[in-house]
Amino acid sequence: MDRPQNFVFSVGLRHVLEDSLAVVRGQTLERTRRELVLRNLQKFVTQAMEGSASTTATAFANTRGTVDTIEAYELVHRMLSSRLQNDLVPRLRTTESVLSELGRGVEVDADRRKAAADLIDLLLRSLKYESAASSYKTAEAAHLS
């Protein structure tokens, strides 16, 4: 199966972010959908953390990173690094942990939930911004041709 050319703008990622944000904020979601979105976002965040580790020179030399982990990290890094700088990977770790605990039905304290919700919300807002900017550039290019 071919990868979508603009994974960042995939409707699926946007819906996973929106639904996961709702779950982290304590809103009710149908059980199957809840499990699916938490599992998918947790996998994405885990891949981004693994991709982060793979972007070091040593890791590249050992070819540890997979395409999925590198793409996940590149996406997260591009959307969040300017805002979070050196705090990105620790915030990803916290979010991954919260998603995992919620997926297992573990009660998560309000501060950790808020930290995860803030990161997911920031990802979602960045995704929407990039999507809008891309649509504008495509429309502008079509107008000029």
N, C-alpha and C. Protein backbone atom coordinates (compact mmCIF):
# COMPACT_ATOMS: atom_id res chain seq x y z
N MET A 1 0.85 -1.19 0.00
CA MET A 1 0.00 0.00 0.00
C MET A 1 0.89 1.25 0.00
N ASP A 2 0.57 2.18 -0.86
CA ASP A 2 1.35 3.42 -0.94
C ASP A 2 1.01 4.35 0.21
N ARG A 3 2.02 5.11 0.65
CA ARG A 3 1.82 6.13 1.68
C ARG A 3 1.17 7.34 1.06
N PRO A 4 0.28 8.02 1.80
CA PRO A 4 -0.25 9.27 1.27
C PRO A 4 0.90 10.26 1.08
N GLN A 5 0.86 11.03 0.02
CA GLN A 5 1.96 11.96 -0.24
C GLN A 5 2.08 13.02 0.84
N ASN A 6 0.99 13.51 1.36
CA ASN A 6 1.02 14.53 2.40
C ASN A 6 0.48 13.97 3.69
N PHE A 7 1.23 13.07 4.30
CA PHE A 7 0.81 12.42 5.54
C PHE A 7 0.40 13.45 6.58
N VAL A 8 1.13 14.57 6.65
CA VAL A 8 0.85 15.60 7.65
C VAL A 8 -0.58 16.12 7.53
N PHE A 9 -1.14 16.11 6.36
CA PHE A 9 -2.47 16.66 6.16
C PHE A 9 -3.55 15.58 6.16
N SER A 10 -3.17 14.38 6.50
CA SER A 10 -4.14 13.30 6.47
C SER A 10 -5.27 13.56 7.44
N VAL A 11 -6.46 13.32 6.96
CA VAL A 11 -7.65 13.50 7.77
C VAL A 11 -7.58 12.55 8.96
N GLY A 12 -7.03 11.36 8.75
CA GLY A 12 -6.93 10.38 9.83
C GLY A 12 -6.13 10.90 11.01
N LEU A 13 -5.01 11.52 10.77
CA LEU A 13 -4.18 12.05 11.85
C LEU A 13 -4.94 13.14 12.60
N ARG A 14 -5.60 13.98 11.86
CA ARG A 14 -6.37 15.06 12.50
C ARG A 14 -7.45 14.49 13.41
N HIS A 15 -8.16 13.46 12.94
CA HIS A 15 -9.22 12.86 13.75
C HIS A 15 -8.65 12.13 14.96
N VAL A 16 -7.52 11.48 14.80
CA VAL A 16 -6.89 10.81 15.94
C VAL A 16 -6.49 11.85 16.99
N LEU A 17 -5.93 12.97 16.55
CA LEU A 17 -5.56 14.02 17.48
C LEU A 17 -6.79 14.60 18.18
N GLU A 18 -7.83 14.89 17.41
CA GLU A 18 -9.05 15.46 18.00
C GLU A 18 -9.69 14.51 19.01
N ASP A 19 -9.84 13.25 18.62
CA ASP A 19 -10.47 12.28 19.52
C ASP A 19 -9.61 11.98 20.73
N SER A 20 -8.30 11.88 20.54
CA SER A 20 -7.40 11.64 21.68
C SER A 20 -7.43 12.81 22.65
N LEU A 21 -7.48 14.00 22.12
CA LEU A 21 -7.56 15.19 22.96
C LEU A 21 -8.83 15.15 23.81
N ALA A 22 -9.93 14.75 23.20
CA ALA A 22 -11.19 14.63 23.94
C ALA A 22 -11.06 13.60 25.07
N VAL A 23 -10.45 12.48 24.79
CA VAL A 23 -10.28 11.43 25.81
C VAL A 23 -9.39 11.92 26.94
N VAL A 24 -8.27 12.53 26.59
CA VAL A 24 -7.34 13.02 27.61
C VAL A 24 -8.02 14.07 28.48
N ARG A 25 -8.90 14.85 27.90
CA ARG A 25 -9.62 15.88 28.66
C ARG A 25 -10.81 15.31 29.43
N GLY A 26 -11.01 13.99 29.36
CA GLY A 26 -12.04 13.34 30.16
C GLY A 26 -13.40 13.20 29.51
N GLN A 27 -13.49 13.50 28.22
CA GLN A 27 -14.76 13.35 27.53
C GLN A 27 -15.00 11.89 27.18
N THR A 28 -16.26 11.53 27.07
CA THR A 28 -16.63 10.15 26.77
C THR A 28 -16.55 9.92 25.26
N LEU A 29 -16.02 8.77 24.92
CA LEU A 29 -15.92 8.36 23.52
C LEU A 29 -16.28 6.88 23.48
N GLU A 30 -16.94 6.44 22.45
CA GLU A 30 -17.30 5.03 22.31
C GLU A 30 -16.05 4.17 22.54
N ARG A 31 -16.19 3.08 23.28
CA ARG A 31 -15.06 2.27 23.75
C ARG A 31 -14.11 1.86 22.63
N THR A 32 -14.63 1.33 21.54
CA THR A 32 -13.78 0.86 20.45
C THR A 32 -13.01 2.02 19.83
N ARG A 33 -13.70 3.13 19.60
CA ARG A 33 -13.05 4.32 19.03
C ARG A 33 -11.98 4.85 19.99
N ARG A 34 -12.31 4.88 21.29
CA ARG A 34 -11.37 5.34 22.31
C ARG A 34 -10.09 4.51 22.27
N GLU A 35 -10.24 3.20 22.26
CA GLU A 35 -9.07 2.31 22.24
C GLU A 35 -8.25 2.53 20.97
N LEU A 36 -8.94 2.65 19.84
CA LEU A 36 -8.27 2.83 18.55
C LEU A 36 -7.46 4.12 18.52
N VAL A 37 -8.08 5.24 18.89
CA VAL A 37 -7.36 6.51 18.79
C VAL A 37 -6.22 6.60 19.80
N LEU A 38 -6.44 6.09 21.01
CA LEU A 38 -5.35 6.11 22.00
C LEU A 38 -4.18 5.26 21.53
N ARG A 39 -4.47 4.07 21.01
CA ARG A 39 -3.42 3.18 20.52
C ARG A 39 -2.68 3.80 19.34
N ASN A 40 -3.42 4.40 18.40
CA ASN A 40 -2.78 5.00 17.22
C ASN A 40 -1.92 6.20 17.57
N LEU A 41 -2.43 7.07 18.45
CA LEU A 41 -1.63 8.24 18.81
C LEU A 41 -0.44 7.82 19.66
N GLN A 42 -0.63 6.84 20.53
CA GLN A 42 0.50 6.35 21.33
C GLN A 42 1.59 5.79 20.41
N LYS A 43 1.19 5.04 19.39
CA LYS A 43 2.17 4.49 18.44
C LYS A 43 2.89 5.63 17.71
N PHE A 44 2.15 6.63 17.28
CA PHE A 44 2.75 7.77 16.58
C PHE A 44 3.75 8.49 17.47
N VAL A 45 3.37 8.75 18.73
CA VAL A 45 4.26 9.44 19.66
C VAL A 45 5.50 8.59 19.95
N THR A 46 5.30 7.29 20.13
CA THR A 46 6.43 6.38 20.35
C THR A 46 7.38 6.41 19.16
N GLN A 47 6.81 6.37 17.96
CA GLN A 47 7.65 6.44 16.75
C GLN A 47 8.41 7.75 16.69
N ALA A 48 7.78 8.84 17.08
CA ALA A 48 8.46 10.14 17.07
C ALA A 48 9.62 10.13 18.05
N MET A 49 9.43 9.53 19.23
CA MET A 49 10.53 9.46 20.20
C MET A 49 11.66 8.58 19.66
N GLU A 50 11.32 7.45 19.05
CA GLU A 50 12.34 6.58 18.47
C GLU A 50 13.05 7.29 17.32
N GLY A 51 12.30 8.04 16.54
CA GLY A 51 12.89 8.81 15.45
C GLY A 51 13.85 9.86 15.96
N SER A 52 13.52 10.44 17.09
CA SER A 52 14.40 11.42 17.72
C SER A 52 15.74 10.78 18.05
N ALA A 53 15.69 9.60 18.62
CA ALA A 53 16.93 8.89 18.96
C ALA A 53 17.68 8.51 17.69
N SER A 54 16.96 8.25 16.61
CA SER A 54 17.57 7.82 15.37
C SER A 54 18.20 8.95 14.58
N THR A 55 17.93 10.17 14.96
CA THR A 55 18.47 11.30 14.19
C THR A 55 19.86 11.71 14.64
N THR A 56 20.39 11.05 15.63
CA THR A 56 21.77 11.34 16.02
C THR A 56 22.71 10.72 15.00
N ALA A 57 23.89 11.24 14.89
CA ALA A 57 24.86 10.74 13.91
C ALA A 57 25.17 9.27 14.15
N THR A 58 25.32 8.87 15.40
CA THR A 58 25.62 7.47 15.72
C THR A 58 24.48 6.57 15.27
N ALA A 59 23.25 6.99 15.54
CA ALA A 59 22.11 6.17 15.16
C ALA A 59 22.01 6.05 13.64
N PHE A 60 22.27 7.15 12.93
CA PHE A 60 22.24 7.06 11.47
C PHE A 60 23.30 6.08 10.98
N ALA A 61 24.45 6.10 11.59
CA ALA A 61 25.51 5.18 11.18
C ALA A 61 25.08 3.74 11.41
N ASN A 62 24.28 3.50 12.45
CA ASN A 62 23.81 2.15 12.75
C ASN A 62 22.48 1.84 12.07
N THR A 63 21.92 2.79 11.34
CA THR A 63 20.64 2.68 10.64
C THR A 63 19.54 2.10 11.52
N ARG A 64 19.43 2.63 12.73
CA ARG A 64 18.41 2.16 13.67
C ARG A 64 17.01 2.61 13.28
N GLY A 65 16.89 3.80 12.74
CA GLY A 65 15.57 4.36 12.49
C GLY A 65 14.89 3.73 11.29
N THR A 66 13.58 3.58 11.39
CA THR A 66 12.79 3.13 10.26
C THR A 66 12.19 4.36 9.60
N VAL A 67 11.64 4.16 8.43
CA VAL A 67 11.01 5.28 7.72
C VAL A 67 9.89 5.87 8.58
N ASP A 68 9.07 5.02 9.21
CA ASP A 68 7.96 5.51 10.03
C ASP A 68 8.45 6.33 11.22
N THR A 69 9.51 5.88 11.89
CA THR A 69 9.98 6.62 13.06
C THR A 69 10.61 7.95 12.65
N ILE A 70 11.37 7.94 11.58
CA ILE A 70 11.99 9.18 11.11
C ILE A 70 10.91 10.16 10.64
N GLU A 71 9.92 9.67 9.90
CA GLU A 71 8.83 10.55 9.43
C GLU A 71 8.04 11.12 10.60
N ALA A 72 7.73 10.29 11.58
CA ALA A 72 6.97 10.76 12.74
C ALA A 72 7.75 11.83 13.48
N TYR A 73 9.03 11.59 13.69
CA TYR A 73 9.84 12.60 14.40
C TYR A 73 9.97 13.87 13.58
N GLU A 74 10.20 13.74 12.28
CA GLU A 74 10.35 14.92 11.42
C GLU A 74 9.09 15.77 11.47
N LEU A 75 7.95 15.13 11.41
CA LEU A 75 6.68 15.84 11.47
C LEU A 75 6.52 16.56 12.80
N VAL A 76 6.72 15.86 13.91
CA VAL A 76 6.58 16.45 15.23
C VAL A 76 7.62 17.55 15.44
N HIS A 77 8.83 17.28 15.03
CA HIS A 77 9.91 18.26 15.19
C HIS A 77 9.60 19.54 14.41
N ARG A 78 9.16 19.37 13.17
CA ARG A 78 8.85 20.54 12.33
C ARG A 78 7.71 21.36 12.94
N MET A 79 6.70 20.69 13.49
CA MET A 79 5.55 21.41 14.00
C MET A 79 5.76 21.99 15.40
N LEU A 80 6.65 21.38 16.20
CA LEU A 80 6.72 21.77 17.60
C LEU A 80 8.07 22.26 18.11
N SER A 81 9.15 21.97 17.40
CA SER A 81 10.47 22.26 17.96
C SER A 81 10.70 23.74 18.23
N SER A 82 10.18 24.61 17.40
CA SER A 82 10.41 26.03 17.62
C SER A 82 9.71 26.51 18.89
N ARG A 83 8.62 25.87 19.25
CA ARG A 83 7.88 26.26 20.46
C ARG A 83 8.39 25.55 21.71
N LEU A 84 8.82 24.31 21.55
CA LEU A 84 9.19 23.52 22.73
C LEU A 84 10.69 23.35 22.91
N GLN A 85 11.46 23.61 21.89
CA GLN A 85 12.92 23.52 21.91
C GLN A 85 13.40 22.24 22.58
N ASN A 86 14.15 22.30 23.66
CA ASN A 86 14.73 21.11 24.30
C ASN A 86 13.72 20.31 25.11
N ASP A 87 12.51 20.81 25.24
CA ASP A 87 11.48 20.15 26.04
C ASP A 87 10.65 19.16 25.21
N LEU A 88 10.89 19.06 23.91
CA LEU A 88 10.05 18.26 23.03
C LEU A 88 10.03 16.78 23.43
N VAL A 89 11.17 16.15 23.52
CA VAL A 89 11.20 14.70 23.80
C VAL A 89 10.64 14.39 25.19
N PRO A 90 10.99 15.14 26.24
CA PRO A 90 10.35 14.85 27.53
C PRO A 90 8.83 15.00 27.49
N ARG A 91 8.34 15.97 26.75
CA ARG A 91 6.88 16.14 26.64
C ARG A 91 6.26 15.01 25.84
N LEU A 92 6.97 14.52 24.83
CA LEU A 92 6.48 13.35 24.10
C LEU A 92 6.42 12.13 25.03
N ARG A 93 7.45 11.96 25.86
CA ARG A 93 7.48 10.85 26.82
C ARG A 93 6.28 10.90 27.77
N THR A 94 6.01 12.08 28.31
CA THR A 94 4.88 12.24 29.22
C THR A 94 3.57 11.90 28.51
N THR A 95 3.41 12.41 27.30
CA THR A 95 2.19 12.17 26.54
C THR A 95 2.02 10.69 26.24
N GLU A 96 3.09 10.04 25.83
CA GLU A 96 3.04 8.60 25.53
C GLU A 96 2.62 7.83 26.77
N SER A 97 3.16 8.19 27.91
CA SER A 97 2.83 7.52 29.17
C SER A 97 1.36 7.71 29.53
N VAL A 98 0.87 8.93 29.40
CA VAL A 98 -0.53 9.22 29.71
C VAL A 98 -1.45 8.43 28.78
N LEU A 99 -1.14 8.42 27.48
CA LEU A 99 -1.96 7.68 26.52
C LEU A 99 -1.98 6.18 26.86
N SER A 100 -0.83 5.65 27.22
CA SER A 100 -0.72 4.25 27.59
C SER A 100 -1.57 3.94 28.82
N GLU A 101 -1.45 4.79 29.83
CA GLU A 101 -2.21 4.58 31.07
C GLU A 101 -3.72 4.69 30.83
N LEU A 102 -4.14 5.67 30.07
CA LEU A 102 -5.55 5.82 29.76
C LEU A 102 -6.05 4.61 28.96
N GLY A 103 -5.23 4.12 28.07
CA GLY A 103 -5.60 2.95 27.28
C GLY A 103 -5.77 1.70 28.13
N ARG A 104 -5.06 1.63 29.25
CA ARG A 104 -5.18 0.49 30.16
C ARG A 104 -6.23 0.73 31.24
N GLY A 105 -6.89 1.90 31.20
CA GLY A 105 -7.91 2.20 32.18
C GLY A 105 -7.38 2.70 33.51
N VAL A 106 -6.12 3.13 33.53
CA VAL A 106 -5.50 3.64 34.75
C VAL A 106 -5.91 5.09 34.94
N GLU A 107 -6.18 5.47 36.18
CA GLU A 107 -6.51 6.87 36.47
C GLU A 107 -5.24 7.71 36.38
N VAL A 108 -5.30 8.82 35.66
CA VAL A 108 -4.15 9.70 35.46
C VAL A 108 -4.45 11.02 36.15
N ASP A 109 -3.47 11.53 36.91
CA ASP A 109 -3.71 12.78 37.64
C ASP A 109 -3.87 13.96 36.68
N ALA A 110 -4.53 14.98 37.17
CA ALA A 110 -4.92 16.14 36.35
C ALA A 110 -3.73 16.86 35.73
N ASP A 111 -2.62 16.99 36.45
CA ASP A 111 -1.46 17.70 35.91
C ASP A 111 -0.87 16.98 34.70
N ARG A 112 -0.76 15.67 34.80
CA ARG A 112 -0.21 14.89 33.67
C ARG A 112 -1.18 14.88 32.50
N ARG A 113 -2.47 14.79 32.79
CA ARG A 113 -3.48 14.86 31.72
C ARG A 113 -3.37 16.20 30.99
N LYS A 114 -3.24 17.28 31.77
CA LYS A 114 -3.14 18.61 31.17
C LYS A 114 -1.88 18.73 30.30
N ALA A 115 -0.77 18.19 30.78
CA ALA A 115 0.47 18.25 30.00
C ALA A 115 0.31 17.51 28.67
N ALA A 116 -0.32 16.33 28.71
CA ALA A 116 -0.57 15.57 27.47
C ALA A 116 -1.55 16.32 26.57
N ALA A 117 -2.61 16.85 27.15
CA ALA A 117 -3.60 17.58 26.37
C ALA A 117 -2.98 18.80 25.70
N ASP A 118 -2.11 19.50 26.42
CA ASP A 118 -1.45 20.68 25.86
C ASP A 118 -0.61 20.31 24.64
N LEU A 119 0.13 19.20 24.73
CA LEU A 119 0.97 18.77 23.60
C LEU A 119 0.10 18.35 22.42
N ILE A 120 -0.94 17.57 22.68
CA ILE A 120 -1.82 17.12 21.60
C ILE A 120 -2.51 18.32 20.95
N ASP A 121 -2.97 19.26 21.77
CA ASP A 121 -3.61 20.47 21.24
C ASP A 121 -2.64 21.27 20.37
N LEU A 122 -1.41 21.38 20.82
CA LEU A 122 -0.39 22.10 20.04
C LEU A 122 -0.13 21.39 18.71
N LEU A 123 -0.06 20.07 18.73
CA LEU A 123 0.10 19.30 17.48
C LEU A 123 -1.09 19.55 16.55
N LEU A 124 -2.29 19.51 17.11
CA LEU A 124 -3.49 19.69 16.31
C LEU A 124 -3.54 21.09 15.70
N ARG A 125 -3.25 22.10 16.50
CA ARG A 125 -3.25 23.47 15.97
C ARG A 125 -2.18 23.65 14.89
N SER A 126 -1.02 23.05 15.09
CA SER A 126 0.06 23.14 14.10
C SER A 126 -0.33 22.43 12.82
N LEU A 127 -0.97 21.28 12.95
CA LEU A 127 -1.43 20.52 11.79
C LEU A 127 -2.44 21.33 10.99
N LYS A 128 -3.39 21.94 11.68
CA LYS A 128 -4.39 22.77 11.00
C LYS A 128 -3.74 23.96 10.30
N TYR A 129 -2.77 24.58 10.97
CA TYR A 129 -2.07 25.72 10.38
C TYR A 129 -1.32 25.30 9.12
N GLU A 130 -0.56 24.19 9.20
CA GLU A 130 0.19 23.73 8.03
C GLU A 130 -0.75 23.35 6.89
N SER A 131 -1.86 22.73 7.23
CA SER A 131 -2.83 22.34 6.22
C SER A 131 -3.40 23.56 5.52
N ALA A 132 -3.76 24.57 6.29
CA ALA A 132 -4.30 25.80 5.70
C ALA A 132 -3.24 26.50 4.85
N ALA A 133 -2.02 26.55 5.34
CA ALA A 133 -0.93 27.19 4.59
C ALA A 133 -0.68 26.45 3.28
N SER A 134 -0.72 25.13 3.32
CA SER A 134 -0.49 24.33 2.12
C SER A 134 -1.62 24.56 1.10
N SER A 135 -2.85 24.61 1.58
CA SER A 135 -4.00 24.85 0.69
C SER A 135 -3.87 26.21 0.03
N TYR A 136 -3.43 27.20 0.80
CA TYR A 136 -3.26 28.55 0.26
C TYR A 136 -2.18 28.56 -0.82
N LYS A 137 -1.05 27.89 -0.55
CA LYS A 137 0.04 27.85 -1.53
C LYS A 137 -0.39 27.13 -2.80
N THR A 138 -1.17 26.05 -2.65
CA THR A 138 -1.65 25.30 -3.82
C THR A 138 -2.59 26.17 -4.64
N ALA A 139 -3.50 26.86 -3.96
CA ALA A 139 -4.44 27.75 -4.68
C ALA A 139 -3.71 28.89 -5.36
N GLU A 140 -2.70 29.44 -4.69
CA GLU A 140 -1.91 30.54 -5.25
C GLU A 140 -1.15 30.06 -6.48
N ALA A 141 -0.55 28.87 -6.40
CA ALA A 141 0.20 28.31 -7.53
C ALA A 141 -0.71 28.06 -8.72
N ALA A 142 -1.92 27.57 -8.46
CA ALA A 142 -2.89 27.30 -9.54
C ALA A 142 -3.32 28.61 -10.20
N HIS A 143 -3.45 29.64 -9.38
CA HIS A 143 -3.85 30.94 -9.91
C HIS A 143 -2.74 31.54 -10.81
N LEU A 144 -1.51 31.31 -10.46
CA LEU A 144 -0.39 31.87 -11.22
C LEU A 144 -0.10 31.12 -12.51
N SER A 145 -0.57 29.87 -12.60
CA SER A 145 -0.24 29.10 -13.81
C SER A 145 -1.23 29.29 -14.91
